[in-house]
Amino acid sequence: MQSFAQESTAITHKDLYSKDGLIYKASNDSIFSGSIENRRWTNNILLSKEDYKDGFIILVTEYYNKSKKGIPYMKTYFHDGLYFKKKKQDRLDFDGTIDSTIYFDENENKILEEFFSKGKLIHSCEYKDGKKNGKQFCISKNGEELNFIYKNGKKVQ
């Protein structure tokens, strides 16, 4: 029986470089796919993790910094094939449920914002050019569903 030793060296930003909008591994000049963990040097607490595929970043997970377990509080997803262009950002509660989500177009302009309570959608609003534009949905304090229409930042209905 033959055993193979696994390389335990973690990849860091120092091991990578950027060229023509892609991330490469410096040791062999290959396009990078994999993960990088960023840890606090004083106590080794996980602060964030970056996931790459075919040279593009696809996900950044940020963690609450008071727990060695690594409880995520923010997940940022990126557009496929675009260099560091946010597509979606989820803010998470301690139990892992989504508290809010923001969606972005390919130019990183906010196009939709959603808020949740106990897994239920309680607020949703569409945006264009940084202003409310389109449908807005919310639930009032007494549980009533409210719907509005905005055009260029102004309520029209």
Protein backbone atom coordinates (compact mmCIF):
# COMPACT_ATOMS: atom_id res chain seq x y z
CA MET A 1 0.00 0.00 0.00
CA GLN A 2 1.34 3.34 -1.04
CA SER A 3 0.48 6.56 0.75
CA PHE A 4 0.79 10.04 -0.61
CA ALA A 5 1.61 13.07 1.49
CA GLN A 6 -0.69 15.96 0.89
CA GLU A 7 0.75 19.44 0.62
CA SER A 8 -0.52 21.41 3.60
CA THR A 9 0.81 24.80 2.53
CA ALA A 10 -2.04 27.27 2.26
CA ILE A 11 -2.12 29.56 -0.75
CA THR A 12 -2.06 33.27 0.05
CA HIS A 13 -2.35 36.44 -2.02
CA LYS A 14 1.46 36.50 -2.16
CA ASP A 15 1.31 33.28 -4.22
CA LEU A 16 -0.91 34.85 -6.90
CA TYR A 17 -0.76 37.62 -9.46
CA SER A 18 -3.18 39.31 -11.82
CA LYS A 19 -2.69 39.62 -15.57
CA ASP A 20 -5.22 40.60 -18.25
CA GLY A 21 -8.11 40.32 -15.78
CA LEU A 22 -7.24 36.77 -14.64
CA ILE A 23 -5.65 35.46 -11.44
CA TYR A 24 -2.58 33.23 -11.85
CA LYS A 25 -0.57 31.04 -9.50
CA ALA A 26 2.95 32.49 -9.39
CA SER A 27 4.72 29.15 -8.82
CA ASN A 28 3.78 27.74 -12.23
CA ASP A 29 2.05 30.63 -14.08
CA SER A 30 -1.18 28.61 -14.30
CA ILE A 31 -4.67 30.11 -14.12
CA PHE A 32 -5.82 29.77 -10.52
CA SER A 33 -8.82 27.78 -9.32
CA GLY A 34 -9.17 27.25 -5.60
CA SER A 35 -9.62 29.08 -2.30
CA ILE A 36 -7.67 31.54 -0.21
CA GLU A 37 -8.35 31.99 3.50
CA ASN A 38 -7.50 35.26 5.22
CA ARG A 39 -6.88 34.83 8.95
CA ARG A 40 -6.06 37.20 11.77
CA TRP A 41 -2.40 36.64 12.50
CA THR A 42 -2.72 37.16 16.27
CA ASN A 43 -5.28 34.41 16.96
CA ASN A 44 -5.79 32.60 13.62
CA ILE A 45 -9.51 33.53 13.44
CA LEU A 46 -10.90 33.17 9.93
CA LEU A 47 -11.80 36.62 8.56
CA SER A 48 -12.65 35.81 4.95
CA LYS A 49 -12.38 33.23 2.22
CA GLU A 50 -12.07 33.88 -1.51
CA ASP A 51 -13.06 31.26 -4.08
CA TYR A 52 -11.68 31.38 -7.64
CA LYS A 53 -12.55 29.37 -10.75
CA ASP A 54 -10.61 29.50 -14.01
CA GLY A 55 -8.82 32.68 -12.92
CA PHE A 56 -11.94 34.60 -11.89
CA ILE A 57 -13.18 35.30 -8.40
CA ILE A 58 -16.61 33.74 -7.91
CA LEU A 59 -17.31 34.17 -4.19
CA VAL A 60 -16.00 36.07 -1.16
CA THR A 61 -17.25 34.94 2.24
CA GLU A 62 -16.64 37.24 5.20
CA TYR A 63 -16.94 35.92 8.75
CA TYR A 64 -17.97 37.28 12.13
CA ASN A 65 -14.61 37.88 13.81
CA LYS A 66 -15.56 36.74 17.31
CA SER A 67 -15.82 33.04 16.55
CA LYS A 68 -13.14 30.50 15.73
CA LYS A 69 -15.87 28.38 14.10
CA GLY A 70 -16.00 30.73 11.15
CA ILE A 71 -19.63 31.87 11.07
CA PRO A 72 -20.27 33.72 7.79
CA TYR A 73 -21.94 37.13 7.88
CA MET A 74 -21.56 38.22 4.24
CA LYS A 75 -21.34 36.35 0.96
CA THR A 76 -20.52 38.28 -2.20
CA TYR A 77 -20.99 36.49 -5.53
CA PHE A 78 -19.37 37.75 -8.73
CA HIS A 79 -20.44 37.80 -12.39
CA ASP A 80 -18.98 34.93 -14.42
CA GLY A 81 -16.08 35.98 -16.59
CA LEU A 82 -15.95 39.56 -15.29
CA TYR A 83 -13.07 40.80 -13.18
CA PHE A 84 -14.30 41.50 -9.61
CA LYS A 85 -17.80 42.64 -10.66
CA LYS A 86 -20.35 41.93 -7.91
CA LYS A 87 -23.50 40.08 -8.92
CA LYS A 88 -25.17 39.42 -5.57
CA GLN A 89 -24.45 40.10 -1.91
CA ASP A 90 -26.11 38.19 0.94
CA ARG A 91 -25.91 39.39 4.56
CA LEU A 92 -26.41 36.51 6.99
CA ASP A 93 -27.60 36.16 10.57
CA PHE A 94 -25.65 34.10 13.13
CA ASP A 95 -27.81 31.05 12.31
CA GLY A 96 -26.90 31.26 8.61
CA THR A 97 -30.26 32.53 7.36
CA ILE A 98 -30.24 35.38 4.86
CA ASP A 99 -31.03 38.78 6.40
CA SER A 100 -30.77 40.78 3.18
CA THR A 101 -29.77 40.40 -0.46
CA ILE A 102 -28.63 43.01 -2.95
CA TYR A 103 -28.43 42.21 -6.67
CA PHE A 104 -26.14 44.12 -9.06
CA ASP A 105 -25.94 44.49 -12.83
CA GLU A 106 -22.67 43.93 -14.74
CA ASN A 107 -21.60 47.50 -13.94
CA GLU A 108 -22.16 46.92 -10.20
CA ASN A 109 -25.22 49.15 -10.05
CA LYS A 110 -27.79 48.00 -7.49
CA ILE A 111 -30.87 46.63 -9.28
CA LEU A 112 -32.77 44.89 -6.47
CA GLU A 113 -32.67 44.94 -2.68
CA GLU A 114 -34.48 42.42 -0.48
CA PHE A 115 -34.85 42.08 3.30
CA PHE A 116 -35.97 38.97 5.16
CA SER A 117 -37.22 38.12 8.64
CA LYS A 118 -37.15 34.49 9.75
CA GLY A 119 -36.75 33.43 6.12
CA LYS A 120 -39.75 35.43 4.91
CA LEU A 121 -39.45 38.32 2.44
CA ILE A 122 -40.52 41.54 4.21
CA HIS A 123 -39.21 44.19 1.83
CA SER A 124 -38.20 44.26 -1.84
CA CYS A 125 -37.32 47.25 -4.01
CA GLU A 126 -36.10 47.57 -7.60
CA TYR A 127 -33.48 50.19 -8.57
CA LYS A 128 -32.15 51.84 -11.71
CA ASP A 129 -29.28 54.33 -11.83
CA GLY A 130 -29.12 54.41 -8.03
CA LYS A 131 -32.78 55.37 -7.58
CA LYS A 132 -35.90 53.41 -6.74
CA ASN A 133 -37.41 52.41 -10.05
CA GLY A 134 -40.06 49.75 -10.44
CA LYS A 135 -41.86 47.69 -7.84
CA GLN A 136 -41.48 48.07 -4.10
CA PHE A 137 -43.03 45.52 -1.76
CA CYS A 138 -43.07 45.66 2.02
CA ILE A 139 -44.96 44.32 4.99
CA SER A 140 -46.16 46.93 7.48
CA LYS A 141 -45.76 46.59 11.25
CA ASN A 142 -49.32 45.22 11.49
CA GLY A 143 -48.64 42.57 8.81
CA GLU A 144 -50.34 44.28 5.87
CA GLU A 145 -48.71 43.77 2.44
CA LEU A 146 -47.97 47.08 0.71
CA ASN A 147 -47.05 47.53 -2.96
CA PHE A 148 -45.77 50.70 -4.61
CA ILE A 149 -44.43 51.70 -8.02
CA TYR A 150 -41.48 54.08 -8.36
CA LYS A 151 -40.16 55.86 -11.43
CA ASN A 152 -36.80 57.57 -11.31
CA GLY A 153 -36.86 57.74 -7.50
CA LYS A 154 -40.39 59.09 -7.14
CA LYS A 155 -43.45 57.16 -6.01
CA VAL A 156 -46.08 57.10 -8.78
CA GLN A 157 -48.51 54.59 -7.32
